[in-house]
Amino acid sequence: MAMKRGDAFVGKELPEEVKKTIPRVYVDDLLISLKYYVDEEQSHLWIKEPETCNRCQYKPCLSFCPVGVYTLDNEGKIQVAYQACVECGSCRVACPYNNIGWKLPRGGFGVAYKFG
């Protein structure tokens, strides 16, 4: 059953037979190969309506982001550290309210992927 906008987020465990087929990947080991060109003047990532995040019970953005871009401040509000974003898009997929704004970083900025 597909999730509709506004539905509560429900986490599900993978079956054991599926878990055994997935290789262990340590994100920190992979992130070391990235190079960032941070745009301090324009954010490419933002919360559209902060009030919506306040009503969100499970806040899946806190868990889905592989680099921890989303955190809670002392008042329980979502903070966005866009400078660390690896542009994977998982936050936009995880948000049940479609409340995350995203655009491509300006030319010359963002993450530079390299291999080898």
C-alpha atoms as a PDB file:
ATOM      1  CA  MET A   1       0.000   0.000   0.000  1.00  0.00           C
ATOM      2  CA  ALA A   2       1.469   3.358  -1.024  1.00  0.00           C
ATOM      3  CA  MET A   3       1.885   6.084   1.554  1.00  0.00           C
ATOM      4  CA  LYS A   4      -0.219   9.155   0.916  1.00  0.00           C
ATOM      5  CA  ARG A   5       0.814  12.642   1.926  1.00  0.00           C
ATOM      6  CA  GLY A   6       0.009  13.254   5.556  1.00  0.00           C
ATOM      7  CA  ASP A   7       0.094   9.590   6.575  1.00  0.00           C
ATOM      8  CA  ALA A   8       2.161   8.831   9.664  1.00  0.00           C
ATOM      9  CA  PHE A   9       5.568   7.296   9.031  1.00  0.00           C
ATOM     10  CA  VAL A  10       5.761   3.618   9.956  1.00  0.00           C
ATOM     11  CA  GLY A  11       9.153   1.922  10.130  1.00  0.00           C
ATOM     12  CA  LYS A  12       9.337  -1.771   9.236  1.00  0.00           C
ATOM     13  CA  GLU A  13      12.057  -4.340   9.852  1.00  0.00           C
ATOM     14  CA  LEU A  14      13.494  -6.261   6.937  1.00  0.00           C
ATOM     15  CA  PRO A  15      13.064 -10.036   7.039  1.00  0.00           C
ATOM     16  CA  GLU A  16      16.168 -11.881   8.285  1.00  0.00           C
ATOM     17  CA  GLU A  17      16.726 -13.639   4.943  1.00  0.00           C
ATOM     18  CA  VAL A  18      16.889 -10.232   3.227  1.00  0.00           C
ATOM     19  CA  LYS A  19      19.195  -8.749   5.887  1.00  0.00           C
ATOM     20  CA  LYS A  20      21.703 -11.570   5.311  1.00  0.00           C
ATOM     21  CA  THR A  21      22.020 -10.678   1.606  1.00  0.00           C
ATOM     22  CA  ILE A  22      22.827  -6.989   2.188  1.00  0.00           C
ATOM     23  CA  PRO A  23      26.547  -6.213   2.592  1.00  0.00           C
ATOM     24  CA  ARG A  24      27.647  -4.096   5.531  1.00  0.00           C
ATOM     25  CA  VAL A  25      28.479  -0.579   4.397  1.00  0.00           C
ATOM     26  CA  TYR A  26      29.942   2.037   6.670  1.00  0.00           C
ATOM     27  CA  VAL A  27      28.846   5.411   5.360  1.00  0.00           C
ATOM     28  CA  ASP A  28      31.674   7.254   7.111  1.00  0.00           C
ATOM     29  CA  ASP A  29      34.221   5.225   5.129  1.00  0.00           C
ATOM     30  CA  LEU A  30      32.537   6.213   1.865  1.00  0.00           C
ATOM     31  CA  LEU A  31      32.083   9.874   2.769  1.00  0.00           C
ATOM     32  CA  ILE A  32      35.805  10.390   3.161  1.00  0.00           C
ATOM     33  CA  SER A  33      36.122  10.354  -0.634  1.00  0.00           C
ATOM     34  CA  LEU A  34      33.781  13.329  -1.099  1.00  0.00           C
ATOM     35  CA  LYS A  35      34.843  16.879  -1.687  1.00  0.00           C
ATOM     36  CA  TYR A  36      32.510  19.733  -0.733  1.00  0.00           C
ATOM     37  CA  TYR A  37      32.257  23.178  -2.252  1.00  0.00           C
ATOM     38  CA  VAL A  38      30.037  24.928   0.286  1.00  0.00           C
ATOM     39  CA  ASP A  39      27.886  27.839  -0.866  1.00  0.00           C
ATOM     40  CA  GLU A  40      27.705  30.062   2.215  1.00  0.00           C
ATOM     41  CA  GLU A  41      25.387  32.537   0.481  1.00  0.00           C
ATOM     42  CA  GLN A  42      22.565  30.257  -0.725  1.00  0.00           C
ATOM     43  CA  SER A  43      21.150  27.106   0.798  1.00  0.00           C
ATOM     44  CA  HIS A  44      19.961  24.450  -1.650  1.00  0.00           C
ATOM     45  CA  LEU A  45      18.008  22.674   1.103  1.00  0.00           C
ATOM     46  CA  TRP A  46      15.334  24.061   3.434  1.00  0.00           C
ATOM     47  CA  ILE A  47      12.199  23.293   5.426  1.00  0.00           C
ATOM     48  CA  LYS A  48       9.153  24.634   3.572  1.00  0.00           C
ATOM     49  CA  GLU A  49       6.850  25.066   6.584  1.00  0.00           C
ATOM     50  CA  PRO A  50       8.422  24.692  10.061  1.00  0.00           C
ATOM     51  CA  GLU A  51       4.967  24.291  11.621  1.00  0.00           C
ATOM     52  CA  THR A  52       4.502  21.063   9.678  1.00  0.00           C
ATOM     53  CA  CYS A  53       7.676  19.633  11.241  1.00  0.00           C
ATOM     54  CA  ASN A  54       6.371  20.556  14.687  1.00  0.00           C
ATOM     55  CA  ARG A  55       3.281  18.399  14.047  1.00  0.00           C
ATOM     56  CA  CYS A  56       5.291  15.488  12.599  1.00  0.00           C
ATOM     57  CA  GLN A  57       5.391  12.808  15.275  1.00  0.00           C
ATOM     58  CA  TYR A  58       8.207  10.550  14.002  1.00  0.00           C
ATOM     59  CA  LYS A  59      10.455  13.059  12.164  1.00  0.00           C
ATOM     60  CA  PRO A  60      11.938  10.493   9.732  1.00  0.00           C
ATOM     61  CA  CYS A  61      14.320  13.104   8.293  1.00  0.00           C
ATOM     62  CA  LEU A  62      16.381  12.729  11.484  1.00  0.00           C
ATOM     63  CA  SER A  63      16.979   9.061  10.676  1.00  0.00           C
ATOM     64  CA  PHE A  64      17.066   8.872   6.886  1.00  0.00           C
ATOM     65  CA  CYS A  65      19.836  11.358   6.170  1.00  0.00           C
ATOM     66  CA  PRO A  66      23.103   9.393   5.951  1.00  0.00           C
ATOM     67  CA  VAL A  67      25.205  12.380   7.022  1.00  0.00           C
ATOM     68  CA  GLY A  68      22.965  13.839   9.741  1.00  0.00           C
ATOM     69  CA  VAL A  69      22.017  17.092   8.016  1.00  0.00           C
ATOM     70  CA  TYR A  70      18.817  17.276  10.082  1.00  0.00           C
ATOM     71  CA  THR A  71      19.010  17.697  13.868  1.00  0.00           C
ATOM     72  CA  LEU A  72      16.776  19.002  16.642  1.00  0.00           C
ATOM     73  CA  ASP A  73      17.700  22.174  18.477  1.00  0.00           C
ATOM     74  CA  ASN A  74      17.119  22.771  22.214  1.00  0.00           C
ATOM     75  CA  GLU A  75      13.529  23.829  21.505  1.00  0.00           C
ATOM     76  CA  GLY A  76      12.746  20.693  19.473  1.00  0.00           C
ATOM     77  CA  LYS A  77      12.815  22.454  16.093  1.00  0.00           C
ATOM     78  CA  ILE A  78      14.435  20.901  13.029  1.00  0.00           C
ATOM     79  CA  GLN A  79      17.770  22.456  12.070  1.00  0.00           C
ATOM     80  CA  VAL A  80      19.212  21.997   8.550  1.00  0.00           C
ATOM     81  CA  ALA A  81      23.007  21.883   8.151  1.00  0.00           C
ATOM     82  CA  TYR A  82      22.906  22.002   4.350  1.00  0.00           C
ATOM     83  CA  GLN A  83      26.689  22.368   4.140  1.00  0.00           C
ATOM     84  CA  ALA A  84      27.105  18.619   4.841  1.00  0.00           C
ATOM     85  CA  CYS A  85      24.467  17.473   2.325  1.00  0.00           C
ATOM     86  CA  VAL A  86      25.593  14.772  -0.115  1.00  0.00           C
ATOM     87  CA  GLU A  87      22.586  15.444  -2.379  1.00  0.00           C
ATOM     88  CA  CYS A  88      21.221  11.879  -2.142  1.00  0.00           C
ATOM     89  CA  GLY A  89      17.562  12.965  -1.878  1.00  0.00           C
ATOM     90  CA  SER A  90      16.630  10.508   0.878  1.00  0.00           C
ATOM     91  CA  CYS A  91      15.219  13.313   3.046  1.00  0.00           C
ATOM     92  CA  ARG A  92      12.718  14.295   0.364  1.00  0.00           C
ATOM     93  CA  VAL A  93      11.618  10.694  -0.033  1.00  0.00           C
ATOM     94  CA  ALA A  94      11.385  10.112   3.727  1.00  0.00           C
ATOM     95  CA  CYS A  95       9.312  13.201   4.554  1.00  0.00           C
ATOM     96  CA  PRO A  96       5.671  12.059   4.659  1.00  0.00           C
ATOM     97  CA  TYR A  97       4.519  15.683   4.296  1.00  0.00           C
ATOM     98  CA  ASN A  98       6.691  16.671   1.308  1.00  0.00           C
ATOM     99  CA  ASN A  99       7.986  19.508   3.482  1.00  0.00           C
ATOM    100  CA  ILE A 100      11.617  19.616   2.369  1.00  0.00           C
ATOM    101  CA  GLY A 101      12.604  22.082  -0.323  1.00  0.00           C
ATOM    102  CA  TRP A 102      15.569  21.201  -2.526  1.00  0.00           C
ATOM    103  CA  LYS A 103      17.206  22.631  -5.613  1.00  0.00           C
ATOM    104  CA  LEU A 104      20.501  21.968  -7.331  1.00  0.00           C
ATOM    105  CA  PRO A 105      23.322  23.953  -5.770  1.00  0.00           C
ATOM    106  CA  ARG A 106      24.589  26.884  -7.828  1.00  0.00           C
ATOM    107  CA  GLY A 107      27.252  26.085 -10.398  1.00  0.00           C
ATOM    108  CA  GLY A 108      30.585  25.290  -8.814  1.00  0.00           C
ATOM    109  CA  PHE A 109      29.059  24.420  -5.431  1.00  0.00           C
ATOM    110  CA  GLY A 110      27.821  21.240  -3.798  1.00  0.00           C
ATOM    111  CA  VAL A 111      29.404  17.839  -3.437  1.00  0.00           C
ATOM    112  CA  ALA A 112      31.970  16.545  -5.920  1.00  0.00           C
ATOM    113  CA  TYR A 113      31.976  12.761  -6.215  1.00  0.00           C
ATOM    114  CA  LYS A 114      35.183  11.062  -7.218  1.00  0.00           C
ATOM    115  CA  PHE A 115      36.139   7.446  -7.730  1.00  0.00           C
ATOM    116  CA  GLY A 116      39.482   5.688  -7.488  1.00  0.00           C
END
